Protein backbone atom coordinates (compact mmCIF):
# COMPACT_ATOMS: atom_id res chain seq x y z
CA MET A 1 4.40 13.73 23.60
CA SER A 2 1.99 16.66 23.16
CA ALA A 3 2.42 19.19 25.97
CA ARG A 4 -1.41 19.45 26.02
CA TYR A 5 -1.90 16.04 27.46
CA GLN A 6 -0.65 14.48 30.71
CA VAL A 7 -0.82 10.75 31.22
CA ALA A 8 -2.43 9.66 34.40
CA GLY A 9 -2.90 6.40 36.38
CA THR A 10 -1.40 4.39 39.15
CA THR A 11 -1.76 0.91 37.63
CA ALA A 12 -0.87 -0.53 34.20
CA ALA A 13 -4.52 -0.65 33.31
CA GLY A 14 -5.16 2.92 34.34
CA ILE A 15 -2.03 4.22 32.51
CA SER A 16 -3.03 2.46 29.23
CA ALA A 17 -6.62 3.66 29.58
CA SER A 18 -5.36 7.23 30.03
CA ILE A 19 -3.26 6.99 26.86
CA GLU A 20 -6.18 5.54 24.89
CA SER A 21 -8.27 8.39 26.18
CA GLY A 22 -5.71 10.76 24.80
CA ILE A 23 -5.92 9.08 21.43
CA ARG A 24 -9.73 9.29 21.34
CA SER A 25 -9.71 12.98 22.14
CA ALA A 26 -6.88 13.61 19.54
CA ALA A 27 -4.81 15.15 22.35
CA LEU A 28 -2.39 12.30 21.36
CA VAL A 29 -2.09 12.09 17.55
CA PRO A 30 -0.28 9.56 15.30
CA GLY A 31 3.47 9.87 15.65
CA ASP A 32 3.36 11.56 19.12
CA ALA A 33 6.13 10.14 21.36
CA LEU A 34 5.37 8.79 24.77
CA PRO A 35 7.68 9.45 27.67
CA PRO A 36 10.44 6.89 28.35
CA VAL A 37 9.37 4.25 30.84
CA ARG A 38 11.51 5.50 33.76
CA GLU A 39 10.53 9.14 33.06
CA LEU A 40 6.82 8.35 33.14
CA ALA A 41 7.19 6.13 36.17
CA ALA A 42 8.86 8.96 38.05
CA GLN A 43 6.06 11.44 37.02
CA LEU A 44 3.30 9.03 38.20
CA ALA A 45 5.17 7.71 41.26
CA VAL A 46 4.84 4.12 40.15
CA SER A 47 7.37 1.38 39.34
CA PRO A 48 8.95 1.18 35.82
CA ALA A 49 7.54 -2.30 35.54
CA THR A 50 4.00 -0.83 35.85
CA VAL A 51 4.66 1.58 33.00
CA ALA A 52 6.32 -1.16 30.92
CA ARG A 53 3.23 -3.35 31.33
CA ALA A 54 0.99 -0.52 30.23
CA TYR A 55 3.07 0.13 27.14
CA GLN A 56 3.11 -3.67 26.39
CA GLU A 57 -0.68 -3.84 26.53
CA LEU A 58 -0.91 -0.85 24.16
CA ARG A 59 1.60 -2.51 21.78
CA GLN A 60 -0.40 -5.78 21.74
CA ARG A 61 -3.57 -3.85 20.95
CA GLY A 62 -1.86 -2.00 18.11
CA LEU A 63 -2.13 1.49 19.57
CA VAL A 64 1.53 2.21 19.92
CA VAL A 65 4.78 1.05 18.32
CA THR A 66 8.24 0.81 19.83
CA ALA A 67 10.98 1.96 17.35
CA GLY A 68 14.34 1.45 19.09
CA ARG A 69 16.08 4.75 19.85
CA HIS A 70 12.99 6.56 18.66
CA GLY A 71 11.06 5.28 21.70
CA THR A 72 7.39 4.47 21.88
CA ARG A 73 5.02 6.43 19.61
CA ILE A 74 1.32 6.43 18.71
CA ARG A 75 0.80 4.33 15.67
CA PRO A 76 -0.14 6.04 12.37
CA ARG A 77 -3.66 4.47 12.45
CA PRO A 78 -4.34 3.16 15.98
CA PRO A 79 -7.51 1.09 16.21
CA VAL A 80 -9.29 3.59 18.29
CA ALA A 81 -11.57 6.23 16.64
CA ALA A 82 -10.89 9.88 17.53
CA ARG A 83 -13.83 12.14 17.97
CA ARG A 84 -14.79 13.59 14.60
CA SER A 85 -14.62 17.17 15.92
CA ALA A 86 -11.02 16.63 16.87
CA LEU A 87 -9.88 15.22 13.49
CA ARG A 88 -7.21 17.34 11.75
CA PRO A 89 -6.69 17.77 7.99
CA SER A 90 -3.67 15.91 6.68
CA THR A 91 -2.59 18.70 4.30
CA ALA A 92 -2.61 22.41 4.34
CA PRO A 93 -4.62 24.40 1.77
CA GLY A 94 -2.81 24.93 -1.49
CA LEU A 95 -0.64 21.77 -1.26
CA ARG A 96 -0.74 19.36 -4.18
CA ASP A 97 -1.59 16.18 -2.26
CA LEU A 98 0.10 13.12 -3.76
CA SER A 99 0.06 11.21 -0.44
CA ARG A 100 -3.32 9.46 -0.27
CA GLY A 101 -2.91 6.29 -2.36
CA GLU A 102 -6.44 6.52 -3.75
CA PRO A 103 -7.63 6.15 -7.40
CA ASP A 104 -8.46 9.24 -9.40
CA PRO A 105 -12.19 10.11 -8.92
CA ARG A 106 -12.16 11.45 -12.49
CA LEU A 107 -11.44 8.01 -13.87
CA LEU A 108 -13.93 5.96 -11.86
CA PRO A 109 -17.01 4.69 -13.73
CA PRO A 110 -20.22 6.61 -12.98
CA LEU A 111 -22.75 4.65 -10.94
CA GLY A 112 -25.92 6.59 -11.47
CA GLU A 113 -27.19 4.66 -14.44
CA HIS A 114 -26.52 1.31 -12.81
CA LEU A 115 -28.09 2.34 -9.50
CA ALA A 116 -31.13 3.53 -11.42
CA GLY A 117 -31.34 0.16 -13.17
CA LEU A 118 -31.23 -1.66 -9.82
CA ALA A 119 -34.00 0.57 -8.49
CA ALA A 120 -36.19 -0.10 -11.51
CA ALA A 121 -35.56 -3.83 -11.31
CA ALA A 122 -35.97 -4.13 -7.55
CA GLY A 123 -38.50 -6.70 -6.27
CA GLU A 124 -38.97 -7.87 -2.82
CA SER A 125 -36.15 -7.23 -0.34
CA VAL A 126 -33.85 -10.14 0.41
CA GLY A 127 -34.55 -11.71 3.83
CA TYR A 128 -32.32 -13.39 6.33
CA PRO A 129 -32.92 -17.01 5.29
CA VAL A 130 -31.73 -16.53 1.69
CA ALA A 131 -29.09 -13.83 2.01
CA GLY A 132 -25.61 -14.64 0.96
CA VAL A 133 -23.42 -14.74 -2.19
CA LEU A 134 -25.62 -14.22 -5.23
CA PRO A 135 -25.14 -17.19 -7.63
CA GLU A 136 -24.89 -14.99 -10.63
CA LEU A 137 -22.13 -12.94 -8.98
CA ALA A 138 -20.29 -16.07 -8.01
CA GLU A 139 -20.50 -17.42 -11.56
CA ALA A 140 -19.20 -14.11 -13.08
CA ALA A 141 -16.39 -13.98 -10.46
CA ARG A 142 -15.32 -17.52 -11.20
CA GLU A 143 -15.14 -16.78 -14.92
CA ARG A 144 -12.98 -13.67 -14.29
CA LEU A 145 -10.66 -15.55 -11.98
CA ALA A 146 -10.37 -18.60 -14.19
CA ALA A 147 -9.24 -16.32 -17.05
CA ASP A 148 -6.30 -15.43 -14.76
CA GLY A 149 -5.52 -19.01 -13.75
CA VAL A 150 -6.94 -18.83 -10.31
CA PRO A 151 -8.86 -21.91 -9.01
CA ALA A 152 -12.15 -20.71 -7.65
CA ALA A 153 -14.34 -23.76 -6.84
CA GLU A 154 -14.85 -22.42 -3.22
CA LEU A 155 -15.86 -18.78 -3.12
CA THR A 156 -17.34 -16.17 -0.82
CA VAL A 157 -17.42 -12.36 -0.64
CA THR A 158 -16.27 -9.95 2.01
CA GLY A 159 -16.48 -6.18 2.72
CA GLY A 160 -13.24 -5.44 0.85
CA ALA A 161 -9.74 -6.77 0.73
CA LEU A 162 -8.62 -5.79 4.27
CA ASP A 163 -11.92 -7.24 5.69
CA GLY A 164 -11.20 -10.48 3.94
CA ILE A 165 -7.57 -10.65 5.20
CA GLU A 166 -8.79 -9.88 8.74
CA ARG A 167 -11.30 -12.76 8.62
CA LEU A 168 -8.65 -15.06 7.20
CA LEU A 169 -6.13 -14.28 9.94
CA GLY A 170 -8.84 -14.60 12.61
CA ALA A 171 -9.85 -18.05 11.25
CA HIS A 172 -6.41 -19.49 11.41
CA LEU A 173 -4.17 -17.56 13.80
CA ARG A 174 -4.16 -16.49 17.41
CA PRO A 175 -2.58 -13.43 19.10
CA GLY A 176 1.17 -13.78 19.33
CA ASP A 177 1.47 -15.81 16.11
CA ALA A 178 3.96 -14.57 13.57
CA VAL A 179 2.91 -13.32 10.12
CA ALA A 180 5.23 -12.77 7.26
CA VAL A 181 4.45 -9.49 5.44
CA GLU A 182 6.13 -7.50 2.70
CA ASP A 183 8.64 -4.91 3.84
CA PRO A 184 7.95 -2.27 2.59
CA GLY A 185 4.27 -3.12 2.61
CA TRP A 186 0.71 -1.88 2.81
CA ALA A 187 0.49 0.44 5.82
CA ASN A 188 -3.11 -0.56 6.60
CA LEU A 189 -2.18 -4.19 6.68
CA LEU A 190 0.73 -3.54 9.12
CA ASP A 191 -1.69 -1.68 11.35
CA LEU A 192 -4.20 -4.57 11.20
CA VAL A 193 -1.54 -7.16 12.01
CA ALA A 194 -0.64 -5.06 15.15
CA ALA A 195 -4.37 -4.57 16.10
CA LEU A 196 -4.90 -8.38 16.07
CA GLY A 197 -1.90 -8.93 18.36
CA LEU A 198 0.09 -10.71 15.74
CA ARG A 199 3.83 -10.43 15.28
CA PRO A 200 5.01 -9.16 11.87
CA ILE A 201 8.15 -10.60 10.15
CA GLY A 202 9.22 -8.43 7.32
CA VAL A 203 10.05 -9.96 3.91
CA PRO A 204 12.17 -7.78 1.54
CA VAL A 205 10.60 -6.91 -1.83
CA ASP A 206 12.06 -6.02 -5.17
CA ASP A 207 10.30 -5.09 -8.47
CA ASP A 208 9.38 -8.85 -8.95
CA GLY A 209 7.71 -9.31 -5.57
CA PRO A 210 8.82 -10.83 -2.25
CA LEU A 211 12.34 -12.26 -2.30
CA ALA A 212 12.38 -15.97 -1.92
CA GLY A 213 15.28 -15.74 0.60
CA GLY A 214 13.24 -13.40 2.69
CA VAL A 215 10.23 -15.73 2.65
CA ALA A 216 12.46 -18.69 3.55
CA ALA A 217 13.93 -16.69 6.52
CA ALA A 218 10.41 -15.87 7.67
CA LEU A 219 9.30 -19.43 7.58
CA ALA A 220 12.42 -20.46 9.58
CA ALA A 221 11.50 -17.76 12.12
CA GLY A 222 8.11 -19.46 12.66
CA ALA A 223 5.69 -17.53 10.40
CA ARG A 224 2.25 -19.01 10.50
CA ALA A 225 0.90 -17.02 7.56
CA LEU A 226 2.41 -15.28 4.50
CA ILE A 227 0.66 -12.30 2.92
CA VAL A 228 1.79 -11.26 -0.50
CA THR A 229 0.56 -8.73 -3.15
CA SER A 230 0.15 -10.14 -6.65
CA ARG A 231 0.72 -6.86 -8.49
CA ALA A 232 0.43 -3.13 -7.99
CA GLN A 233 2.06 -3.64 -4.56
CA ASN A 234 1.52 -0.79 -2.12
CA PRO A 235 3.82 1.14 -1.89
CA THR A 236 6.44 -0.11 -4.39
CA GLY A 237 4.38 -1.14 -7.46
CA ALA A 238 6.01 -4.49 -7.47
CA ALA A 239 4.38 -7.27 -9.43
CA ILE A 240 5.09 -11.03 -8.98
CA SER A 241 6.90 -12.19 -12.11
CA ALA A 242 6.52 -15.64 -13.60
CA GLU A 243 10.05 -16.63 -12.42
CA ARG A 244 9.47 -15.30 -8.94
CA ALA A 245 6.11 -17.19 -8.82
CA ARG A 246 7.94 -20.41 -9.72
CA GLU A 247 10.62 -19.86 -6.97
CA LEU A 248 7.97 -19.09 -4.35
CA ARG A 249 5.73 -21.98 -5.36
CA ALA A 250 8.66 -24.45 -5.02
CA LEU A 251 9.54 -22.99 -1.62
CA LEU A 252 5.97 -23.13 -0.30
CA ALA A 253 4.93 -26.53 -1.74
CA GLY A 254 3.52 -28.75 0.85
CA ARG A 255 3.73 -26.28 3.75
CA SER A 256 0.57 -27.54 5.57
CA ASP A 257 1.53 -25.39 8.55
CA LEU A 258 1.26 -22.13 6.58
CA LEU A 259 -1.65 -20.00 5.57
CA LEU A 260 -0.91 -18.32 2.22
CA ILE A 261 -2.92 -15.09 1.48
CA GLU A 262 -2.63 -13.43 -1.88
CA ASP A 263 -4.04 -9.86 -2.40
CA ASP A 264 -4.85 -8.79 -5.97
CA HIS A 265 -6.43 -5.46 -5.05
CA ALA A 266 -5.71 -3.73 -8.31
CA ALA A 267 -7.12 -6.47 -10.55
CA GLU A 268 -7.97 -4.89 -13.92
CA LEU A 269 -5.98 -1.70 -13.21
CA ALA A 270 -2.62 -3.55 -12.98
CA ARG A 271 -1.80 -3.70 -16.67
CA VAL A 272 0.69 -6.55 -16.03
CA PRO A 273 -0.01 -10.32 -16.18
CA LEU A 274 -1.12 -12.18 -13.05
CA HIS A 275 1.13 -14.98 -11.91
CA PRO A 276 -0.81 -16.42 -9.01
CA LEU A 277 0.51 -18.52 -6.10
CA ALA A 278 -3.01 -19.81 -5.35
CA GLY A 279 -2.93 -23.43 -4.29
CA ALA A 280 0.80 -23.51 -3.62
CA THR A 281 0.03 -24.56 -0.07
CA PRO A 282 -2.77 -26.73 1.28
CA THR A 283 -4.22 -23.72 3.15
CA TRP A 284 -4.57 -20.72 0.97
CA ALA A 285 -6.72 -17.79 -0.08
CA PHE A 286 -6.80 -15.32 -2.98
CA VAL A 287 -8.61 -12.01 -2.41
CA ARG A 288 -9.63 -9.59 -5.19
CA SER A 289 -11.28 -6.29 -4.38
CA VAL A 290 -13.36 -4.10 -6.63
CA SER A 291 -12.49 -0.83 -4.84
CA LYS A 292 -9.54 0.34 -6.94
CA PRO A 293 -11.01 -0.16 -10.38
CA PHE A 294 -14.66 0.74 -9.68
CA GLY A 295 -14.56 2.97 -6.53
CA PRO A 296 -13.33 3.00 -2.96
CA ASP A 297 -16.93 3.13 -1.62
CA LEU A 298 -17.79 -0.26 -3.21
CA ARG A 299 -16.78 -2.41 -0.22
CA LEU A 300 -16.69 -5.78 -1.81
CA ALA A 301 -13.97 -8.37 -2.41
CA VAL A 302 -14.18 -11.92 -3.89
CA LEU A 303 -12.36 -14.44 -1.75
CA VAL A 304 -11.47 -17.94 -2.92
CA GLY A 305 -9.31 -20.64 -1.40
CA ASP A 306 -9.25 -24.15 -0.06
CA GLU A 307 -12.55 -25.56 1.19
CA THR A 308 -11.80 -25.33 4.88
CA THR A 309 -10.57 -21.74 4.77
CA VAL A 310 -13.46 -20.47 2.66
CA ALA A 311 -15.93 -22.29 4.95
CA ARG A 312 -14.39 -20.75 8.01
CA VAL A 313 -14.54 -17.24 6.57
CA ALA A 314 -18.13 -17.56 5.37
CA GLY A 315 -19.25 -19.23 8.54
CA ARG A 316 -17.75 -16.52 10.81
CA ALA A 317 -19.39 -13.92 8.60
CA ARG A 318 -22.76 -15.66 8.94
CA VAL A 319 -22.70 -15.44 12.74
CA GLY A 320 -21.31 -11.85 12.63
CA ALA A 321 -22.09 -9.31 9.94
CA GLY A 322 -24.28 -11.82 8.15
CA TRP A 323 -23.54 -11.06 4.51
CA VAL A 324 -22.39 -8.44 2.08
CA SER A 325 -25.41 -6.47 0.84
CA THR A 326 -27.06 -8.03 -2.12
CA VAL A 327 -27.72 -4.58 -3.45
CA LEU A 328 -23.99 -3.95 -3.59
CA GLN A 329 -23.38 -7.38 -5.15
CA ARG A 330 -25.96 -6.58 -7.90
CA LEU A 331 -24.30 -3.26 -8.56
CA VAL A 332 -20.84 -4.85 -8.93
CA LEU A 333 -22.33 -7.50 -11.26
CA ALA A 334 -23.84 -4.80 -13.39
CA LEU A 335 -20.53 -3.02 -13.62
CA TRP A 336 -18.70 -6.16 -14.59
CA ARG A 337 -21.24 -6.82 -17.34
CA ASP A 338 -21.09 -3.38 -18.90
CA PRO A 339 -18.66 -3.10 -21.75
CA ALA A 340 -18.56 0.70 -21.42
CA VAL A 341 -17.37 0.35 -17.85
CA ALA A 342 -14.66 -2.06 -18.95
CA ARG A 343 -13.46 0.44 -21.45
CA LEU A 344 -13.36 3.16 -18.70
CA VAL A 345 -11.37 0.95 -16.36
CA ASP A 346 -8.96 0.15 -19.20
CA ARG A 347 -8.64 3.85 -19.89
CA ALA A 348 -7.84 4.47 -16.19
CA ALA A 349 -5.17 1.70 -16.21
CA GLY A 350 -3.54 3.29 -19.23
CA SER A 351 -3.57 6.72 -17.70
CA TYR A 352 -1.98 5.52 -14.46
CA GLU A 353 0.70 3.66 -16.45
CA ARG A 354 1.57 6.71 -18.48
CA ARG A 355 1.83 8.99 -15.45
CA ARG A 356 3.78 6.47 -13.33
CA THR A 357 6.22 5.73 -16.18
CA ALA A 358 6.63 9.39 -16.97
CA LEU A 359 7.39 10.25 -13.35
CA ILE A 360 9.89 7.48 -13.01
CA GLY A 361 11.57 8.65 -16.23
CA ALA A 362 11.63 12.37 -15.11
CA LEU A 363 13.15 11.34 -11.79
CA ALA A 364 15.78 9.30 -13.60
CA ASP A 365 16.70 12.32 -15.73
CA HIS A 366 17.65 13.93 -12.38
CA GLY A 367 19.68 10.93 -11.39
CA LEU A 368 17.09 9.47 -8.99
CA VAL A 369 16.16 5.76 -9.13
CA ALA A 370 12.43 5.18 -8.36
CA HIS A 371 10.25 2.07 -8.53
CA GLY A 372 6.76 1.30 -9.90
CA ARG A 373 6.18 -1.53 -12.24
CA SER A 374 2.41 -1.32 -11.78
CA GLY A 375 -0.39 0.39 -9.90
CA ILE A 376 -0.77 4.01 -8.80
CA ASN A 377 2.31 4.58 -6.60
CA VAL A 378 6.00 5.46 -7.20
CA TRP A 379 8.49 4.40 -4.43
CA LEU A 380 11.54 6.62 -4.18
CA PRO A 381 14.39 5.58 -1.77
CA VAL A 382 15.94 8.60 0.07
CA ASP A 383 18.52 9.11 2.72
CA ASP A 384 16.31 11.16 5.12
CA GLU A 385 12.55 11.05 4.83
CA THR A 386 11.84 13.93 7.13
CA SER A 387 14.11 16.50 5.45
CA VAL A 388 12.89 15.63 1.98
CA LEU A 389 9.20 15.64 3.08
CA THR A 390 9.71 19.08 4.64
CA ALA A 391 11.40 20.53 1.63
CA LEU A 392 8.69 19.16 -0.68
CA ARG A 393 5.91 20.73 1.52
CA ASP A 394 7.73 23.99 1.31
CA ALA A 395 7.73 23.70 -2.40
CA GLY A 396 3.95 22.98 -2.42
CA TRP A 397 3.96 19.11 -2.69
CA ALA A 398 2.67 16.60 -0.15
CA VAL A 399 3.83 13.00 -0.45
CA ALA A 400 3.71 10.10 1.97
CA PRO A 401 6.61 9.10 4.30
CA GLY A 402 7.83 5.58 3.71
CA ALA A 403 7.96 5.02 7.48
CA LEU A 404 4.32 4.13 7.39
CA ASN A 405 5.10 1.20 5.22
CA ARG A 406 8.40 -0.05 6.64
CA ILE A 407 9.41 -2.56 9.32
CA ALA A 408 13.14 -2.73 8.87
CA GLY A 409 13.63 -1.46 5.33
CA PRO A 410 15.52 1.71 4.34
CA PRO A 411 13.85 5.13 4.15
CA ALA A 412 11.81 6.11 1.11
CA LEU A 413 8.89 8.22 -0.02
CA ARG A 414 5.66 7.17 -1.65
CA ILE A 415 4.22 9.33 -4.43
CA THR A 416 0.72 8.50 -5.69
CA VAL A 417 0.29 9.40 -9.33
CA SER A 418 -3.45 8.98 -9.59
CA SER A 419 -4.24 12.65 -9.25
CA LEU A 420 -1.02 13.87 -10.82
CA ASP A 421 -1.59 15.55 -14.26
CA GLU A 422 1.10 14.75 -16.84
CA ALA A 423 1.89 18.36 -17.37
CA GLU A 424 2.92 18.64 -13.64
CA ILE A 425 5.44 15.81 -13.79
CA PRO A 426 8.53 17.90 -14.83
CA ALA A 427 7.90 20.38 -12.03
CA LEU A 428 7.41 17.64 -9.40
CA ALA A 429 10.55 15.80 -10.54
CA ALA A 430 12.57 18.94 -10.28
CA ALA A 431 11.17 19.76 -6.81
CA VAL A 432 11.99 16.22 -5.67
CA ALA A 433 15.54 16.47 -7.03
CA ARG A 434 16.04 19.75 -5.16
CA ALA A 435 14.68 18.28 -1.98
CA VAL A 436 16.83 15.20 -2.24
CA ARG A 437 19.94 17.18 -3.09
CA PRO A 438 19.49 20.72 -1.72
CA ALA A 439 21.80 23.42 -3.04
CA PRO A 440 24.66 24.28 -0.62
CA ALA A 441 24.11 27.30 1.55
CA ALA A 442 25.87 30.50 0.48
CA GLY A 443 28.76 31.55 2.65
CA PHE A 444 32.44 32.31 2.86
CA THR A 445 34.92 29.94 1.22
CA ALA A 446 38.52 29.25 2.26
């Protein structure tokens, strides 16, 4: 734990509030270790049971994670906002940052022309009684999904993929329920599951998607929901193959006790065929965001599913946020309809594919096996994340630790290729190889 911050409190509620305050002020930052239960109990002159209850409450709210011999630590993204003035930059000046997992801003379609078109065509503002999903957006979305074999009779929109997944979990599950998630998987999703008080069960992943055996084990362990990524899986780049889809559909058929959530966040950027699981279970949803192909600031995702599930999500939105801005819906529709934008997105997909494939090949030339069938990330298994990360930073490269994405899987690194220029790839691969297998230190020999 940071030496700058001392936990206070004489009750479980007071101790957990003190730790939360430390997170808000950024005196406690992601990854900071909290004292062992007995040590903190002695410091505060309270019983170990009191500290244990405080830590349990923080775990249930997703602020901390307990990792065996590594103790209790602040989660990478605890659901408490730190004061903006206390936020720290994630990388030092001069580092090539390949850690963020974001699309290349240079390859996103420009919005100015379409925003100007919306302004010119603007009529009266939309009022509360008529706001909702624009019929023309719904029609266009259904056409795009039908082309990929996704049934879309029931449809709504949400404020992005993670917003849709949160609403789905809230509509069907309660705190304490078990959720089967990919391991390794999307770090933001793992944090969301923790913040909702749900219990994650890791499902191993290979290049073809979640392993059927892992899904079967999660179901046997009581999973109430299964969340899978169709393609461009974050962090591994996995894409569900036709054969894997058949295996999973057979395994899931008729599971009326299971909510199946499918995330196709990459959509047009994936460059591999979609093999959907949609409809494999009576209760299901398929979520497709526009953020990766068209821009992270466009917080919109199309959500389709069974009638009950979509009605619950839309109904809960209606009594909460209300609706996704119709201005944003019209902007997305304009982007979908523009052939020039489609060509730009296809160009971006090709660029990501070239860079990802080239990096995997360059690493292979150094004897390193990396993964990345689709998307913008490359997943590189390593023996020791910390030592390799440190060596790469010393060499001028920042990549993401796999620990953010793992539950029980082995260590690895995630390298985002979206901002990586092809000319840089040989130097990066050589730096990674040196970091993974450092040269022996000079010294006396026998």
